[in-house]
Amino acid sequence: MSDALSFRSAFESHAGAFREINEDPFLEAPDLGIWAVADGMGGHEAGQLASTMVVDALDAMVPAGVNERLSQSVRERLEQLNRRLREIAAKRYAGRIVGSTVAVLVIEGGAAVCLWAGDSRIYRYRRGGFVRLTRDHSRTEEMIASGQIDAFGADDHPLANVITRAVGAEEQLVLEMRIEPVFSGDRFLLCTDGLTRTIEDAELAKLMESEDCVSATQGILKRSLARGPRDNVTVGIVDVSCDDTALADASVPRDDIKPSR
């Protein structure tokens, strides 16, 4: 079925209500089956450099060979970049972190592969259901998991901005990966935390119902900007369809709506 899949996507990014610099670049590469968002950290100049290098590294990739997995190539490319960012931090920024979160969606072999580090997210909308496919690598997410704090209101916690994984943040990059089957009609949302700090999951699910991915993306960004986001906001939607109707699976499972916070 993967050979018959086609994609349509739309991405939007904005500096937000208070910042002049946008450190949240994105990537649309439907010919490769790769989409990504990144969010720089380490100060304006360093953060913008890191996130731009993340997207540029992925954009420079070439189609995988017959015996190669594109998702593995993405992992290797980001691991190489992690080492490069560490070198730049040591030489040009006195050891200060030059890093970026990343969330990458790869569609290959009939599967959706999510690879990420940090608190940029990937969601899936399917037949009216909405689920988050990633989990934040953040101090507050760890505290929620251990029962120290409640999920609601976590964005206002003093440690809300502390990220525990990012490209360039540590000597060894640890990417998390999740693999899910992909079906015709699936819709994926990629976003940075500037969006999820202004719109909760249940509301996002409603906004994802728009028939057209362009209008859905624009509507989500407009809703976020109306609330005066203090951070950059990047949002992208990827729609999956099947070119061969004979291959479209009529028994596509339905997602449940699972709001996180």
C-alpha atoms as a PDB file:
ATOM      1  CA  MET A   1       0.000   0.000   0.000  1.00  0.00           C
ATOM      2  CA  SER A   2       2.877   2.401   0.682  1.00  0.00           C
ATOM      3  CA  ASP A   3       3.707   2.751  -3.028  1.00  0.00           C
ATOM      4  CA  ALA A   4       0.181   4.074  -3.649  1.00  0.00           C
ATOM      5  CA  LEU A   5       0.195   6.642  -0.856  1.00  0.00           C
ATOM      6  CA  SER A   6       0.273  10.326  -1.686  1.00  0.00           C
ATOM      7  CA  PHE A   7       0.604  13.336   0.562  1.00  0.00           C
ATOM      8  CA  ARG A   8      -0.572  16.903   0.888  1.00  0.00           C
ATOM      9  CA  SER A   9       0.823  19.189   3.553  1.00  0.00           C
ATOM     10  CA  ALA A  10       0.692  22.769   4.797  1.00  0.00           C
ATOM     11  CA  PHE A  11       2.973  24.463   7.319  1.00  0.00           C
ATOM     12  CA  GLU A  12       2.869  27.890   8.966  1.00  0.00           C
ATOM     13  CA  SER A  13       5.260  29.583  11.380  1.00  0.00           C
ATOM     14  CA  HIS A  14       5.121  32.857  13.328  1.00  0.00           C
ATOM     15  CA  ALA A  15       7.455  34.602  15.767  1.00  0.00           C
ATOM     16  CA  GLY A  16       4.618  34.984  18.279  1.00  0.00           C
ATOM     17  CA  ALA A  17       3.337  38.003  20.135  1.00  0.00           C
ATOM     18  CA  PHE A  18       6.513  39.042  21.947  1.00  0.00           C
ATOM     19  CA  ARG A  19       9.547  37.783  20.015  1.00  0.00           C
ATOM     20  CA  GLU A  20      11.208  39.366  16.992  1.00  0.00           C
ATOM     21  CA  ILE A  21      13.225  36.304  15.945  1.00  0.00           C
ATOM     22  CA  ASN A  22      11.627  33.043  14.838  1.00  0.00           C
ATOM     23  CA  GLU A  23      13.751  30.033  15.834  1.00  0.00           C
ATOM     24  CA  ASP A  24      11.179  27.460  14.663  1.00  0.00           C
ATOM     25  CA  PRO A  25      11.977  26.346  11.096  1.00  0.00           C
ATOM     26  CA  PHE A  26      10.157  23.455   9.452  1.00  0.00           C
ATOM     27  CA  LEU A  27      10.654  20.982   6.621  1.00  0.00           C
ATOM     28  CA  GLU A  28       8.260  19.684   3.996  1.00  0.00           C
ATOM     29  CA  ALA A  29       9.798  16.979   1.794  1.00  0.00           C
ATOM     30  CA  PRO A  30       6.907  14.881   0.460  1.00  0.00           C
ATOM     31  CA  ASP A  31       9.111  13.413  -2.275  1.00  0.00           C
ATOM     32  CA  LEU A  32      11.170  11.786   0.489  1.00  0.00           C
ATOM     33  CA  GLY A  33       8.287  11.203   2.884  1.00  0.00           C
ATOM     34  CA  ILE A  34       9.802  13.474   5.566  1.00  0.00           C
ATOM     35  CA  TRP A  35       8.290  16.377   7.513  1.00  0.00           C
ATOM     36  CA  ALA A  36       9.851  18.048  10.539  1.00  0.00           C
ATOM     37  CA  VAL A  37       9.703  20.951  12.977  1.00  0.00           C
ATOM     38  CA  ALA A  38      12.528  22.273  15.152  1.00  0.00           C
ATOM     39  CA  ASP A  39      12.722  24.751  18.025  1.00  0.00           C
ATOM     40  CA  GLY A  40      16.055  26.386  18.857  1.00  0.00           C
ATOM     41  CA  MET A  41      17.459  26.738  22.367  1.00  0.00           C
ATOM     42  CA  GLY A  42      20.474  28.443  23.882  1.00  0.00           C
ATOM     43  CA  GLY A  43      19.651  32.094  23.170  1.00  0.00           C
ATOM     44  CA  HIS A  44      18.457  33.780  19.982  1.00  0.00           C
ATOM     45  CA  GLU A  45      21.586  33.475  17.836  1.00  0.00           C
ATOM     46  CA  ALA A  46      22.583  30.001  19.011  1.00  0.00           C
ATOM     47  CA  GLY A  47      19.035  28.682  18.969  1.00  0.00           C
ATOM     48  CA  GLN A  48      18.324  29.927  15.483  1.00  0.00           C
ATOM     49  CA  LEU A  49      21.612  28.466  14.255  1.00  0.00           C
ATOM     50  CA  ALA A  50      20.902  25.051  15.785  1.00  0.00           C
ATOM     51  CA  SER A  51      17.310  24.717  14.589  1.00  0.00           C
ATOM     52  CA  THR A  52      18.230  25.892  11.080  1.00  0.00           C
ATOM     53  CA  MET A  53      21.048  23.350  10.923  1.00  0.00           C
ATOM     54  CA  VAL A  54      18.645  20.592  12.013  1.00  0.00           C
ATOM     55  CA  VAL A  55      16.222  21.355   9.190  1.00  0.00           C
ATOM     56  CA  ASP A  56      19.010  21.883   6.642  1.00  0.00           C
ATOM     57  CA  ALA A  57      20.548  18.511   7.546  1.00  0.00           C
ATOM     58  CA  LEU A  58      17.265  16.724   6.946  1.00  0.00           C
ATOM     59  CA  ASP A  59      16.542  18.719   3.801  1.00  0.00           C
ATOM     60  CA  ALA A  60      19.885  17.603   2.322  1.00  0.00           C
ATOM     61  CA  MET A  61      18.985  13.929   2.572  1.00  0.00           C
ATOM     62  CA  VAL A  62      18.619  11.811  -0.564  1.00  0.00           C
ATOM     63  CA  PRO A  63      16.137   8.981  -1.190  1.00  0.00           C
ATOM     64  CA  ALA A  64      17.030   5.786   0.639  1.00  0.00           C
ATOM     65  CA  GLY A  65      18.293   2.816  -1.350  1.00  0.00           C
ATOM     66  CA  VAL A  66      16.433  -0.449  -1.752  1.00  0.00           C
ATOM     67  CA  ASN A  67      17.942  -1.962   1.398  1.00  0.00           C
ATOM     68  CA  GLU A  68      18.030   1.235   3.454  1.00  0.00           C
ATOM     69  CA  ARG A  69      15.541   2.572   5.971  1.00  0.00           C
ATOM     70  CA  LEU A  70      14.946   6.284   5.643  1.00  0.00           C
ATOM     71  CA  SER A  71      14.160   6.571   9.346  1.00  0.00           C
ATOM     72  CA  GLN A  72      17.570   5.082  10.174  1.00  0.00           C
ATOM     73  CA  SER A  73      19.221   7.595   7.855  1.00  0.00           C
ATOM     74  CA  VAL A  74      17.395  10.401   9.678  1.00  0.00           C
ATOM     75  CA  ARG A  75      18.672   9.103  13.010  1.00  0.00           C
ATOM     76  CA  GLU A  76      22.249   8.910  11.743  1.00  0.00           C
ATOM     77  CA  ARG A  77      22.072  12.389  10.218  1.00  0.00           C
ATOM     78  CA  LEU A  78      20.846  13.913  13.488  1.00  0.00           C
ATOM     79  CA  GLU A  79      23.499  12.062  15.500  1.00  0.00           C
ATOM     80  CA  GLN A  80      26.170  13.517  13.219  1.00  0.00           C
ATOM     81  CA  LEU A  81      24.686  16.977  13.617  1.00  0.00           C
ATOM     82  CA  ASN A  82      24.634  16.558  17.399  1.00  0.00           C
ATOM     83  CA  ARG A  83      28.403  16.125  17.351  1.00  0.00           C
ATOM     84  CA  ARG A  84      28.801  19.127  15.064  1.00  0.00           C
ATOM     85  CA  LEU A  85      26.695  21.364  17.321  1.00  0.00           C
ATOM     86  CA  ARG A  86      28.763  20.303  20.330  1.00  0.00           C
ATOM     87  CA  GLU A  87      31.905  21.355  18.465  1.00  0.00           C
ATOM     88  CA  ILE A  88      30.380  24.713  17.532  1.00  0.00           C
ATOM     89  CA  ALA A  89      29.316  25.292  21.148  1.00  0.00           C
ATOM     90  CA  ALA A  90      32.843  24.637  22.402  1.00  0.00           C
ATOM     91  CA  LYS A  91      34.586  26.798  19.789  1.00  0.00           C
ATOM     92  CA  ARG A  92      32.206  29.729  19.346  1.00  0.00           C
ATOM     93  CA  TYR A  93      29.952  29.877  22.409  1.00  0.00           C
ATOM     94  CA  ALA A  94      32.267  29.050  25.320  1.00  0.00           C
ATOM     95  CA  GLY A  95      30.556  25.717  25.883  1.00  0.00           C
ATOM     96  CA  ARG A  96      27.067  27.218  26.124  1.00  0.00           C
ATOM     97  CA  ILE A  97      24.352  24.952  24.735  1.00  0.00           C
ATOM     98  CA  VAL A  98      23.686  25.313  21.038  1.00  0.00           C
ATOM     99  CA  GLY A  99      20.709  23.028  20.594  1.00  0.00           C
ATOM    100  CA  SER A 100      17.302  22.421  19.151  1.00  0.00           C
ATOM    101  CA  THR A 101      14.303  20.225  19.740  1.00  0.00           C
ATOM    102  CA  VAL A 102      13.178  18.199  16.743  1.00  0.00           C
ATOM    103  CA  ALA A 103      10.115  16.189  15.760  1.00  0.00           C
ATOM    104  CA  VAL A 104      10.358  14.235  12.514  1.00  0.00           C
ATOM    105  CA  LEU A 105       7.615  12.315  10.722  1.00  0.00           C
ATOM    106  CA  VAL A 106       8.817   9.718   8.217  1.00  0.00           C
ATOM    107  CA  ILE A 107       6.327   7.698   6.187  1.00  0.00           C
ATOM    108  CA  GLU A 108       7.862   4.583   4.686  1.00  0.00           C
ATOM    109  CA  GLY A 109       6.844   1.005   4.066  1.00  0.00           C
ATOM    110  CA  GLY A 110       3.239   1.563   5.098  1.00  0.00           C
ATOM    111  CA  ALA A 111       4.295   2.964   8.473  1.00  0.00           C
ATOM    112  CA  ALA A 112       4.490   6.359  10.119  1.00  0.00           C
ATOM    113  CA  VAL A 113       7.766   6.688  12.016  1.00  0.00           C
ATOM    114  CA  CYS A 114       8.067   9.462  14.603  1.00  0.00           C
ATOM    115  CA  LEU A 115      11.548  10.436  15.787  1.00  0.00           C
ATOM    116  CA  TRP A 116      11.945  13.222  18.298  1.00  0.00           C
ATOM    117  CA  ALA A 117      13.947  14.889  21.043  1.00  0.00           C
ATOM    118  CA  GLY A 118      12.484  17.632  23.216  1.00  0.00           C
ATOM    119  CA  ASP A 119       8.951  18.992  23.498  1.00  0.00           C
ATOM    120  CA  SER A 120       7.987  19.547  19.870  1.00  0.00           C
ATOM    121  CA  ARG A 121       5.127  17.170  19.136  1.00  0.00           C
ATOM    122  CA  ILE A 122       3.441  14.933  16.561  1.00  0.00           C
ATOM    123  CA  TYR A 123      -0.266  14.075  16.715  1.00  0.00           C
ATOM    124  CA  ARG A 124      -2.501  11.892  14.549  1.00  0.00           C
ATOM    125  CA  TYR A 125      -6.099  12.634  13.609  1.00  0.00           C
ATOM    126  CA  ARG A 126      -8.035   9.628  12.320  1.00  0.00           C
ATOM    127  CA  ARG A 127     -11.779   9.291  11.749  1.00  0.00           C
ATOM    128  CA  GLY A 128     -12.644  11.927  14.312  1.00  0.00           C
ATOM    129  CA  GLY A 129     -10.145  10.682  16.908  1.00  0.00           C
ATOM    130  CA  PHE A 130      -7.016  12.529  17.997  1.00  0.00           C
ATOM    131  CA  VAL A 131      -3.936  11.119  19.766  1.00  0.00           C
ATOM    132  CA  ARG A 132      -0.517  12.436  20.635  1.00  0.00           C
ATOM    133  CA  LEU A 133       2.178  10.131  19.242  1.00  0.00           C
ATOM    134  CA  THR A 134       5.099  11.749  21.063  1.00  0.00           C
ATOM    135  CA  ARG A 135       5.817  12.434  24.719  1.00  0.00           C
ATOM    136  CA  ASP A 136       7.660  15.537  25.856  1.00  0.00           C
ATOM    137  CA  HIS A 137      11.252  15.242  26.974  1.00  0.00           C
ATOM    138  CA  SER A 138      10.902  17.837  29.691  1.00  0.00           C
ATOM    139  CA  ARG A 139      11.255  18.152  33.443  1.00  0.00           C
ATOM    140  CA  THR A 140       7.541  18.784  33.904  1.00  0.00           C
ATOM    141  CA  GLU A 141       6.638  15.697  31.853  1.00  0.00           C
ATOM    142  CA  GLU A 142       8.831  13.631  34.180  1.00  0.00           C
ATOM    143  CA  MET A 143       7.128  15.186  37.194  1.00  0.00           C
ATOM    144  CA  ILE A 144       3.688  14.441  35.742  1.00  0.00           C
ATOM    145  CA  ALA A 145       4.681  10.815  35.118  1.00  0.00           C
ATOM    146  CA  SER A 146       5.927  10.434  38.694  1.00  0.00           C
ATOM    147  CA  GLY A 147       2.801  12.031  40.152  1.00  0.00           C
ATOM    148  CA  GLN A 148       4.592  15.071  41.566  1.00  0.00           C
ATOM    149  CA  ILE A 149       2.411  17.549  39.678  1.00  0.00           C
ATOM    150  CA  ASP A 150      -0.883  17.494  37.783  1.00  0.00           C
ATOM    151  CA  ALA A 151      -0.844  17.753  33.990  1.00  0.00           C
ATOM    152  CA  PHE A 152      -3.233  20.693  33.999  1.00  0.00           C
ATOM    153  CA  GLY A 153      -1.361  23.852  34.832  1.00  0.00           C
ATOM    154  CA  ALA A 154       2.056  22.284  34.190  1.00  0.00           C
ATOM    155  CA  ASP A 155       2.852  24.999  31.653  1.00  0.00           C
ATOM    156  CA  ASP A 156       2.907  27.528  34.505  1.00  0.00           C
ATOM    157  CA  HIS A 157       5.373  25.503  36.599  1.00  0.00           C
ATOM    158  CA  PRO A 158       8.797  27.149  37.229  1.00  0.00           C
ATOM    159  CA  LEU A 159      10.482  24.222  35.408  1.00  0.00           C
ATOM    160  CA  ALA A 160       8.136  24.325  32.418  1.00  0.00           C
ATOM    161  CA  ASN A 161      10.902  25.436  30.049  1.00  0.00           C
ATOM    162  CA  VAL A 162      13.476  22.820  31.114  1.00  0.00           C
ATOM    163  CA  ILE A 163      14.059  20.362  28.262  1.00  0.00           C
ATOM    164  CA  THR A 164      15.761  17.038  29.008  1.00  0.00           C
ATOM    165  CA  ARG A 165      16.676  16.060  25.429  1.00  0.00           C
ATOM    166  CA  ALA A 166      17.625  18.089  22.358  1.00  0.00           C
ATOM    167  CA  VAL A 167      19.978  17.910  19.403  1.00  0.00           C
ATOM    168  CA  GLY A 168      23.248  19.417  20.630  1.00  0.00           C
ATOM    169  CA  ALA A 169      22.349  19.433  24.326  1.00  0.00           C
ATOM    170  CA  GLU A 170      24.316  16.357  25.411  1.00  0.00           C
ATOM    171  CA  GLU A 171      27.381  14.454  24.244  1.00  0.00           C
ATOM    172  CA  GLN A 172      25.163  11.572  23.122  1.00  0.00           C
ATOM    173  CA  LEU A 173      21.890  12.272  21.344  1.00  0.00           C
ATOM    174  CA  VAL A 174      19.052   9.982  22.413  1.00  0.00           C
ATOM    175  CA  LEU A 175      16.174  10.118  19.960  1.00  0.00           C
ATOM    176  CA  GLU A 176      12.906   8.470  20.860  1.00  0.00           C
ATOM    177  CA  MET A 177      11.073   6.569  18.137  1.00  0.00           C
ATOM    178  CA  ARG A 178       7.510   5.374  17.663  1.00  0.00           C
ATOM    179  CA  ILE A 179       6.242   3.353  14.693  1.00  0.00           C
ATOM    180  CA  GLU A 180       2.550   3.188  13.788  1.00  0.00           C
ATOM    181  CA  PRO A 181       0.712   1.759  10.759  1.00  0.00           C
ATOM    182  CA  VAL A 182      -0.469   4.453   8.370  1.00  0.00           C
ATOM    183  CA  PHE A 183      -3.799   4.429   6.553  1.00  0.00           C
ATOM    184  CA  SER A 184      -5.376   6.452   3.792  1.00  0.00           C
ATOM    185  CA  GLY A 185      -7.196   9.353   5.400  1.00  0.00           C
ATOM    186  CA  ASP A 186      -4.737   9.793   8.276  1.00  0.00           C
ATOM    187  CA  ARG A 187      -3.880  13.388   9.169  1.00  0.00           C
ATOM    188  CA  PHE A 188      -0.761  14.268  11.158  1.00  0.00           C
ATOM    189  CA  LEU A 189      -0.050  17.460  13.087  1.00  0.00           C
ATOM    190  CA  LEU A 190       3.524  18.580  13.806  1.00  0.00           C
ATOM    191  CA  CYS A 191       4.069  21.559  16.102  1.00  0.00           C
ATOM    192  CA  THR A 192       6.396  23.328  18.487  1.00  0.00           C
ATOM    193  CA  ASP A 193       5.559  24.073  22.110  1.00  0.00           C
ATOM    194  CA  GLY A 194       4.526  27.626  21.296  1.00  0.00           C
ATOM    195  CA  LEU A 195       1.326  26.098  19.920  1.00  0.00           C
ATOM    196  CA  THR A 196       0.609  23.581  22.663  1.00  0.00           C
ATOM    197  CA  ARG A 197       1.072  26.206  25.366  1.00  0.00           C
ATOM    198  CA  THR A 198      -1.848  28.149  23.897  1.00  0.00           C
ATOM    199  CA  ILE A 199      -4.213  25.408  22.687  1.00  0.00           C
ATOM    200  CA  GLU A 200      -5.022  22.199  24.578  1.00  0.00           C
ATOM    201  CA  ASP A 201      -5.397  18.838  22.849  1.00  0.00           C
ATOM    202  CA  ALA A 202      -9.183  18.621  22.979  1.00  0.00           C
ATOM    203  CA  GLU A 203      -9.478  21.988  21.244  1.00  0.00           C
ATOM    204  CA  LEU A 204      -6.833  21.027  18.703  1.00  0.00           C
ATOM    205  CA  ALA A 205      -8.889  17.943  17.850  1.00  0.00           C
ATOM    206  CA  LYS A 206     -11.831  20.156  16.890  1.00  0.00           C
ATOM    207  CA  LEU A 207      -9.650  22.433  14.799  1.00  0.00           C
ATOM    208  CA  MET A 208      -8.265  19.399  12.935  1.00  0.00           C
ATOM    209  CA  GLU A 209     -11.729  18.628  11.550  1.00  0.00           C
ATOM    210  CA  SER A 210     -11.383  21.154   8.716  1.00  0.00           C
ATOM    211  CA  GLU A 211     -11.593  19.353   5.373  1.00  0.00           C
ATOM    212  CA  ASP A 212      -8.612  21.110   3.826  1.00  0.00           C
ATOM    213  CA  CYS A 213      -5.150  20.892   5.417  1.00  0.00           C
ATOM    214  CA  VAL A 214      -4.298  24.464   4.371  1.00  0.00           C
ATOM    215  CA  SER A 215      -7.348  25.980   6.058  1.00  0.00           C
ATOM    216  CA  ALA A 216      -6.840  23.739   9.107  1.00  0.00           C
ATOM    217  CA  THR A 217      -3.245  24.882   9.500  1.00  0.00           C
ATOM    218  CA  GLN A 218      -4.153  28.530   9.085  1.00  0.00           C
ATOM    219  CA  GLY A 219      -7.065  28.202  11.503  1.00  0.00           C
ATOM    220  CA  ILE A 220      -4.905  26.611  14.196  1.00  0.00           C
ATOM    221  CA  LEU A 221      -2.213  29.286  13.874  1.00  0.00           C
ATOM    222  CA  LYS A 222      -4.813  32.062  13.944  1.00  0.00           C
ATOM    223  CA  ARG A 223      -6.354  30.649  17.140  1.00  0.00           C
ATOM    224  CA  SER A 224      -2.939  30.436  18.789  1.00  0.00           C
ATOM    225  CA  LEU A 225      -1.911  33.975  17.796  1.00  0.00           C
ATOM    226  CA  ALA A 226      -5.189  35.362  19.134  1.00  0.00           C
ATOM    227  CA  ARG A 227      -4.031  34.263  22.591  1.00  0.00           C
ATOM    228  CA  GLY A 228      -0.761  36.172  22.516  1.00  0.00           C
ATOM    229  CA  PRO A 229       1.811  33.340  22.504  1.00  0.00           C
ATOM    230  CA  ARG A 230       5.012  34.261  24.309  1.00  0.00           C
ATOM    231  CA  ASP A 231       7.041  31.885  22.108  1.00  0.00           C
ATOM    232  CA  ASN A 232       7.402  31.156  18.404  1.00  0.00           C
ATOM    233  CA  VAL A 233       4.595  29.048  16.961  1.00  0.00           C
ATOM    234  CA  THR A 234       5.009  26.501  14.186  1.00  0.00           C
ATOM    235  CA  VAL A 235       2.248  24.191  13.001  1.00  0.00           C
ATOM    236  CA  GLY A 236       2.119  21.774  10.089  1.00  0.00           C
ATOM    237  CA  ILE A 237      -0.453  19.276   8.857  1.00  0.00           C
ATOM    238  CA  VAL A 238       0.248  16.252   6.642  1.00  0.00           C
ATOM    239  CA  ASP A 239      -2.644  14.459   4.935  1.00  0.00           C
ATOM    240  CA  VAL A 240      -2.234  10.902   3.664  1.00  0.00           C
ATOM    241  CA  SER A 241      -4.340   9.504   0.846  1.00  0.00           C
ATOM    242  CA  CYS A 242      -4.280   6.410  -1.315  1.00  0.00           C
ATOM    243  CA  ASP A 243      -3.977   6.775  -5.082  1.00  0.00           C
ATOM    244  CA  ASP A 244      -5.383   3.295  -5.643  1.00  0.00           C
ATOM    245  CA  THR A 245      -8.906   3.048  -4.201  1.00  0.00           C
ATOM    246  CA  ALA A 246      -8.663  -0.745  -4.310  1.00  0.00           C
ATOM    247  CA  LEU A 247      -5.902  -0.534  -1.716  1.00  0.00           C
ATOM    248  CA  ALA A 248      -7.667   1.886   0.630  1.00  0.00           C
ATOM    249  CA  ASP A 249      -8.400  -0.072   3.806  1.00  0.00           C
ATOM    250  CA  ALA A 250     -12.089   0.155   4.733  1.00  0.00           C
ATOM    251  CA  SER A 251     -11.369  -1.158   8.242  1.00  0.00           C
ATOM    252  CA  VAL A 252      -9.189   1.730   9.373  1.00  0.00           C
ATOM    253  CA  PRO A 253      -9.230   1.827  13.204  1.00  0.00           C
ATOM    254  CA  ARG A 254     -10.583   4.907  14.947  1.00  0.00           C
ATOM    255  CA  ASP A 255      -8.402   6.886  17.313  1.00  0.00           C
ATOM    256  CA  ASP A 256      -9.736   7.900  20.689  1.00  0.00           C
ATOM    257  CA  ILE A 257      -9.368  11.517  21.747  1.00  0.00           C
ATOM    258  CA  LYS A 258      -6.729  11.486  24.464  1.00  0.00           C
ATOM    259  CA  PRO A 259      -6.032  15.022  25.682  1.00  0.00           C
ATOM    260  CA  SER A 260      -2.744  15.365  27.523  1.00  0.00           C
ATOM    261  CA  ARG A 261      -3.148  18.772  29.122  1.00  0.00           C
END
